[in-house]
Amino acid sequence: MRLRYEHLAAEIVEDPDPWEPEADDLVALEEELRQAVEAIQAESGWQGVNDEAICRGCRYRSICPDSAVRSQPLWPVVKDEGADEVVAAQQ
C-alpha cells in the first residue's frame, strides 16, 4: 500500500514523499485515530443546531444526537460490546 497526500496551502510548493506503511504502522495509526475520536466524544460541550436546513447538508448528521434530519452512517458500523446500540466504526 502506498499513501500520498498533497498540501493545499498555496505557500507550500513541494508535497511530502509518498508513505508506504507497514502493518505495524497501520495498527499504530488506527489506535491513534481511535484515541482522538474517543477524546472528541468525551468532550461534553458539543451540541448540534437541530435545524433542518442546516442538518440536511451536514456530514455528521448520522451520529449527531441533536440532528433534525437523521440518516444512516456512510461508513461501516460495528456493534459495541456490552451496548444495545450500533456505533460508528471510528469508536
C-alpha atoms as a PDB file:
ATOM      1  CA  MET A   1       0.000   0.000   0.000  1.00  0.00           C
ATOM      2  CA  ARG A   2       1.225   3.474  -0.800  1.00  0.00           C
ATOM      3  CA  LEU A   3      -0.247   6.657   0.658  1.00  0.00           C
ATOM      4  CA  ARG A   4       0.218  10.061  -0.847  1.00  0.00           C
ATOM      5  CA  TYR A   5      -1.200  13.433   0.017  1.00  0.00           C
ATOM      6  CA  GLU A   6      -0.818  16.988  -1.180  1.00  0.00           C
ATOM      7  CA  HIS A   7      -0.615  20.264   0.682  1.00  0.00           C
ATOM      8  CA  LEU A   8      -3.429  22.577  -0.354  1.00  0.00           C
ATOM      9  CA  ALA A   9      -1.875  25.730   1.064  1.00  0.00           C
ATOM     10  CA  ALA A  10      -0.571  27.966  -1.722  1.00  0.00           C
ATOM     11  CA  GLU A  11       2.585  28.849   0.226  1.00  0.00           C
ATOM     12  CA  ILE A  12       3.750  25.199   0.310  1.00  0.00           C
ATOM     13  CA  VAL A  13       5.380  24.374  -3.003  1.00  0.00           C
ATOM     14  CA  GLU A  14       6.529  20.781  -2.509  1.00  0.00           C
ATOM     15  CA  ASP A  15       4.370  17.846  -1.480  1.00  0.00           C
ATOM     16  CA  PRO A  16       5.596  15.265   1.027  1.00  0.00           C
ATOM     17  CA  ASP A  17       7.125  11.998  -0.152  1.00  0.00           C
ATOM     18  CA  PRO A  18       4.733   9.047  -0.529  1.00  0.00           C
ATOM     19  CA  TRP A  19       4.452   6.810   2.529  1.00  0.00           C
ATOM     20  CA  GLU A  20       4.483   3.018   2.307  1.00  0.00           C
ATOM     21  CA  PRO A  21       3.278   1.922   5.756  1.00  0.00           C
ATOM     22  CA  GLU A  22       3.974  -1.483   7.242  1.00  0.00           C
ATOM     23  CA  ALA A  23       1.250  -3.454   9.051  1.00  0.00           C
ATOM     24  CA  ASP A  24       2.541  -2.172  12.411  1.00  0.00           C
ATOM     25  CA  ASP A  25       2.308   1.421  11.156  1.00  0.00           C
ATOM     26  CA  LEU A  26      -1.352   0.908  10.231  1.00  0.00           C
ATOM     27  CA  VAL A  27      -2.147  -0.623  13.634  1.00  0.00           C
ATOM     28  CA  ALA A  28      -0.489   2.332  15.386  1.00  0.00           C
ATOM     29  CA  LEU A  29      -2.350   4.812  13.169  1.00  0.00           C
ATOM     30  CA  GLU A  30      -5.667   3.088  13.840  1.00  0.00           C
ATOM     31  CA  GLU A  31      -5.069   3.309  17.595  1.00  0.00           C
ATOM     32  CA  GLU A  32      -4.078   6.981  17.334  1.00  0.00           C
ATOM     33  CA  LEU A  33      -7.273   7.762  15.419  1.00  0.00           C
ATOM     34  CA  ARG A  34      -9.372   5.736  17.855  1.00  0.00           C
ATOM     35  CA  GLN A  35      -7.939   7.706  20.796  1.00  0.00           C
ATOM     36  CA  ALA A  36      -8.582  11.009  19.029  1.00  0.00           C
ATOM     37  CA  VAL A  37     -12.218  10.076  18.387  1.00  0.00           C
ATOM     38  CA  GLU A  38     -12.687   8.939  21.985  1.00  0.00           C
ATOM     39  CA  ALA A  39     -11.278  12.264  23.219  1.00  0.00           C
ATOM     40  CA  ILE A  40     -13.640  14.183  20.944  1.00  0.00           C
ATOM     41  CA  GLN A  41     -16.629  12.123  22.071  1.00  0.00           C
ATOM     42  CA  ALA A  42     -15.693  12.645  25.729  1.00  0.00           C
ATOM     43  CA  GLU A  43     -15.929  16.408  25.267  1.00  0.00           C
ATOM     44  CA  SER A  44     -19.275  17.378  26.756  1.00  0.00           C
ATOM     45  CA  GLY A  45     -19.673  20.794  25.127  1.00  0.00           C
ATOM     46  CA  TRP A  46     -20.666  19.576  21.658  1.00  0.00           C
ATOM     47  CA  GLN A  47     -24.214  20.390  20.613  1.00  0.00           C
ATOM     48  CA  GLY A  48     -25.979  20.206  17.286  1.00  0.00           C
ATOM     49  CA  VAL A  49     -28.161  23.006  15.961  1.00  0.00           C
ATOM     50  CA  ASN A  50     -31.326  20.934  15.397  1.00  0.00           C
ATOM     51  CA  ASP A  51     -32.228  22.975  12.331  1.00  0.00           C
ATOM     52  CA  GLU A  52     -33.483  21.008   9.322  1.00  0.00           C
ATOM     53  CA  ALA A  53     -31.996  23.397   6.747  1.00  0.00           C
ATOM     54  CA  ILE A  54     -28.532  23.177   8.333  1.00  0.00           C
ATOM     55  CA  CYS A  55     -28.667  19.495   9.322  1.00  0.00           C
ATOM     56  CA  ARG A  56     -29.664  18.314   5.835  1.00  0.00           C
ATOM     57  CA  GLY A  57     -26.214  19.173   4.421  1.00  0.00           C
ATOM     58  CA  CYS A  58     -24.181  18.078   7.434  1.00  0.00           C
ATOM     59  CA  ARG A  59     -21.821  15.098   7.007  1.00  0.00           C
ATOM     60  CA  TYR A  60     -22.178  14.185  10.688  1.00  0.00           C
ATOM     61  CA  ARG A  61     -25.956  14.061  10.940  1.00  0.00           C
ATOM     62  CA  SER A  62     -25.971  10.260  11.256  1.00  0.00           C
ATOM     63  CA  ILE A  63     -24.048  10.431  14.539  1.00  0.00           C
ATOM     64  CA  CYS A  64     -25.306  13.758  15.908  1.00  0.00           C
ATOM     65  CA  PRO A  65     -27.842  13.269  18.707  1.00  0.00           C
ATOM     66  CA  ASP A  66     -29.229  16.769  18.024  1.00  0.00           C
ATOM     67  CA  SER A  67     -29.723  16.375  14.254  1.00  0.00           C
ATOM     68  CA  ALA A  68     -33.115  17.411  12.897  1.00  0.00           C
ATOM     69  CA  VAL A  69     -32.520  15.159   9.848  1.00  0.00           C
ATOM     70  CA  ARG A  70     -31.105  11.799  10.942  1.00  0.00           C
ATOM     71  CA  SER A  71     -29.510   9.468   8.380  1.00  0.00           C
ATOM     72  CA  GLN A  72     -27.649   6.196   8.139  1.00  0.00           C
ATOM     73  CA  PRO A  73     -23.841   6.243   8.578  1.00  0.00           C
ATOM     74  CA  LEU A  74     -21.880   6.230   5.331  1.00  0.00           C
ATOM     75  CA  TRP A  75     -19.077   4.123   6.868  1.00  0.00           C
ATOM     76  CA  PRO A  76     -19.005   0.598   8.299  1.00  0.00           C
ATOM     77  CA  VAL A  77     -20.601   0.160  11.696  1.00  0.00           C
ATOM     78  CA  VAL A  78     -19.755  -2.276  14.461  1.00  0.00           C
ATOM     79  CA  LYS A  79     -21.750  -3.407  17.445  1.00  0.00           C
ATOM     80  CA  ASP A  80     -20.179  -2.050  20.616  1.00  0.00           C
ATOM     81  CA  GLU A  81     -19.634  -4.895  23.057  1.00  0.00           C
ATOM     82  CA  GLY A  82     -21.906  -4.553  26.046  1.00  0.00           C
ATOM     83  CA  ALA A  83     -24.131  -1.919  24.413  1.00  0.00           C
ATOM     84  CA  ASP A  84     -27.550  -2.293  22.830  1.00  0.00           C
ATOM     85  CA  GLU A  85     -26.918   0.238  20.097  1.00  0.00           C
ATOM     86  CA  VAL A  86     -24.868   0.178  16.919  1.00  0.00           C
ATOM     87  CA  VAL A  87     -21.977   2.642  16.945  1.00  0.00           C
ATOM     88  CA  ALA A  88     -19.755   4.064  14.231  1.00  0.00           C
ATOM     89  CA  ALA A  89     -16.568   2.141  13.468  1.00  0.00           C
ATOM     90  CA  GLN A  90     -14.481   5.174  14.436  1.00  0.00           C
ATOM     91  CA  GLN A  91     -15.104   4.490  18.145  1.00  0.00           C
END
